[in-house]
Amino acid sequence: MKEHKTSSGEQTQALGADFAAGLSPGAVVCMHGPLGAGKTTFIQGVASFLGIQEAVTSPTFTIASAYEGSLPLYHIDVYRIDSVEEFELLGLEEYIYGKGLTFIEWSEKVEEALPSRLIHITIGINDDGTRTIVIGEPEEEP
């Protein structure tokens, strides 16, 4: 587990880009943290590393967004999903089990429907407005 502290959106994006450099195709990353913590900002850094030119925004209302870069980037936000069953009906298997990089916000709501090998990132907001970002190691296959 690695802990980082950032004091700006730019630093959070840079950390996201550095993190993306170490990912393999098919990686599934679960993003944790309160609203406004910087989960999408971190993912914007990943998109930058992948050479994605279009604006990356939170898919809270669309649920999922796909971007084409050197690898596909799939950004899923399940904040508005009420159950694993509802999530499974969305048919996002190609995103989750594909060859791109998949980032899922609020993944704890649907974790039982996800692959067993996940990377967890938790972003916390500190009293001084900085962010503490904890990047976990990939979970081992059972």
Protein backbone atom coordinates (compact mmCIF):
# COMPACT_ATOMS: atom_id res chain seq x y z
CA MET A 1 0.00 0.00 0.00
CA LYS A 2 1.31 3.43 -0.90
CA GLU A 3 0.12 6.73 0.53
CA HIS A 4 0.46 10.03 -1.31
CA LYS A 5 -0.56 13.58 -0.47
CA THR A 6 -1.60 16.10 -3.13
CA SER A 7 -2.40 19.78 -2.72
CA SER A 8 -3.95 20.54 -6.12
CA GLY A 9 -5.98 18.99 -8.89
CA GLU A 10 -2.91 19.10 -11.10
CA GLN A 11 -0.93 17.05 -8.58
CA THR A 12 -3.78 14.54 -8.33
CA GLN A 13 -3.87 14.25 -12.13
CA ALA A 14 -0.09 13.79 -12.25
CA LEU A 15 -0.37 10.99 -9.69
CA GLY A 16 -3.08 9.39 -11.83
CA ALA A 17 -0.80 9.52 -14.88
CA ASP A 18 2.10 7.98 -12.92
CA PHE A 19 -0.20 5.25 -11.62
CA ALA A 20 -1.47 4.45 -15.13
CA ALA A 21 2.07 3.87 -16.35
CA GLY A 22 2.24 0.75 -14.19
CA LEU A 23 -1.08 -0.78 -15.20
CA SER A 24 -1.60 -3.75 -17.51
CA PRO A 25 -4.49 -4.12 -19.96
CA GLY A 26 -7.54 -5.51 -18.21
CA ALA A 27 -6.85 -3.79 -14.88
CA VAL A 28 -9.93 -2.97 -12.80
CA VAL A 29 -9.48 -0.15 -10.30
CA CYS A 30 -12.00 0.60 -7.57
CA MET A 31 -12.10 4.25 -6.54
CA HIS A 32 -13.24 5.15 -3.01
CA GLY A 33 -13.82 8.52 -1.39
CA PRO A 34 -16.53 11.07 -0.65
CA LEU A 35 -18.19 13.26 -3.26
CA GLY A 36 -15.74 15.90 -4.44
CA ALA A 37 -12.65 14.04 -3.22
CA GLY A 38 -10.98 13.94 -6.62
CA LYS A 39 -11.79 10.50 -8.00
CA THR A 40 -12.58 11.84 -11.47
CA THR A 41 -9.58 14.20 -11.28
CA PHE A 42 -7.32 11.19 -10.68
CA ILE A 43 -8.92 9.40 -13.65
CA GLN A 44 -8.31 12.49 -15.81
CA GLY A 45 -4.61 11.95 -15.16
CA VAL A 46 -4.95 8.34 -16.32
CA ALA A 47 -6.66 9.59 -19.49
CA SER A 48 -3.84 12.05 -20.10
CA PHE A 49 -1.28 9.25 -19.84
CA LEU A 50 -3.29 7.23 -22.38
CA GLY A 51 -3.29 10.16 -24.81
CA ILE A 52 -7.04 10.75 -24.59
CA GLN A 53 -7.85 14.23 -25.86
CA GLU A 54 -11.54 14.53 -25.00
CA ALA A 55 -12.72 15.87 -21.66
CA VAL A 56 -13.17 13.19 -19.00
CA THR A 57 -16.10 13.95 -16.73
CA SER A 58 -17.86 12.00 -14.02
CA PRO A 59 -20.45 9.62 -15.51
CA THR A 60 -22.76 9.91 -12.48
CA PHE A 61 -25.85 10.27 -14.68
CA THR A 62 -24.73 8.23 -17.70
CA ILE A 63 -23.28 5.46 -15.45
CA ALA A 64 -20.43 4.61 -17.87
CA SER A 65 -18.18 6.40 -20.34
CA ALA A 66 -15.67 4.90 -22.77
CA TYR A 67 -12.65 6.72 -24.16
CA GLU A 68 -10.21 5.63 -26.85
CA GLY A 69 -6.51 6.12 -26.23
CA SER A 70 -3.41 3.93 -26.39
CA LEU A 71 -5.65 1.59 -24.36
CA PRO A 72 -9.41 1.97 -23.95
CA LEU A 73 -10.41 3.72 -20.73
CA TYR A 74 -13.71 2.79 -19.12
CA HIS A 75 -15.02 5.06 -16.38
CA ILE A 76 -18.00 3.70 -14.45
CA ASP A 77 -19.86 5.47 -11.64
CA VAL A 78 -22.35 3.31 -9.75
CA TYR A 79 -23.40 5.99 -7.25
CA ARG A 80 -27.01 5.84 -8.51
CA ILE A 81 -27.16 2.03 -8.76
CA ASP A 82 -29.26 0.42 -6.03
CA SER A 83 -28.29 -3.24 -6.32
CA VAL A 84 -25.90 -5.77 -7.83
CA GLU A 85 -28.80 -7.04 -9.94
CA GLU A 86 -29.39 -3.56 -11.39
CA PHE A 87 -25.67 -3.25 -12.12
CA GLU A 88 -25.59 -6.62 -13.89
CA LEU A 89 -28.54 -5.58 -16.09
CA LEU A 90 -26.47 -2.71 -17.48
CA GLY A 91 -24.36 -5.17 -19.48
CA LEU A 92 -20.97 -3.64 -18.73
CA GLU A 93 -19.08 -6.93 -18.93
CA GLU A 94 -17.08 -5.85 -21.99
CA TYR A 95 -15.79 -2.89 -20.00
CA ILE A 96 -14.99 -4.86 -16.86
CA TYR A 97 -13.53 -7.93 -18.56
CA GLY A 98 -12.06 -6.19 -21.62
CA LYS A 99 -8.52 -5.25 -22.54
CA GLY A 100 -8.78 -1.65 -21.44
CA LEU A 101 -8.36 0.03 -18.07
CA THR A 102 -11.56 0.16 -16.01
CA PHE A 103 -12.11 2.60 -13.16
CA ILE A 104 -15.21 2.19 -11.01
CA GLU A 105 -16.40 4.88 -8.59
CA TRP A 106 -18.52 3.72 -5.62
CA SER A 107 -17.54 0.12 -6.42
CA GLU A 108 -18.33 -1.06 -2.90
CA LYS A 109 -22.00 -1.05 -3.94
CA VAL A 110 -21.41 -3.78 -6.56
CA GLU A 111 -18.13 -5.42 -5.56
CA GLU A 112 -19.59 -8.94 -5.50
CA ALA A 113 -20.24 -8.59 -9.27
CA LEU A 114 -16.63 -7.59 -10.01
CA PRO A 115 -13.58 -9.72 -10.81
CA SER A 116 -11.61 -11.03 -7.85
CA ARG A 117 -8.40 -9.20 -8.79
CA LEU A 118 -8.97 -5.52 -8.05
CA ILE A 119 -6.83 -2.51 -7.22
CA HIS A 120 -8.31 -0.16 -4.61
CA ILE A 121 -7.60 3.56 -4.41
CA THR A 122 -8.99 5.65 -1.58
CA ILE A 123 -8.97 9.44 -1.68
CA GLY A 124 -9.57 11.37 1.51
CA ILE A 125 -10.05 15.09 2.00
CA ASN A 126 -7.85 16.54 4.74
CA ASP A 127 -8.81 19.50 6.96
CA ASP A 128 -6.40 21.76 5.05
CA GLY A 129 -7.99 20.86 1.69
CA THR A 130 -5.18 18.57 0.59
CA ARG A 131 -5.90 15.00 -0.45
CA THR A 132 -4.49 11.78 0.94
CA ILE A 133 -4.49 9.11 -1.75
CA VAL A 134 -3.89 5.51 -0.73
CA ILE A 135 -3.12 3.09 -3.55
CA GLY A 136 -3.50 -0.55 -2.62
CA GLU A 137 -1.69 -3.47 -4.18
CA PRO A 138 -3.63 -5.68 -6.59
CA GLU A 139 -5.55 -8.37 -4.75
CA GLU A 140 -4.34 -11.89 -5.38
CA GLU A 141 -6.48 -14.43 -7.19
CA PRO A 142 -8.11 -16.81 -4.69
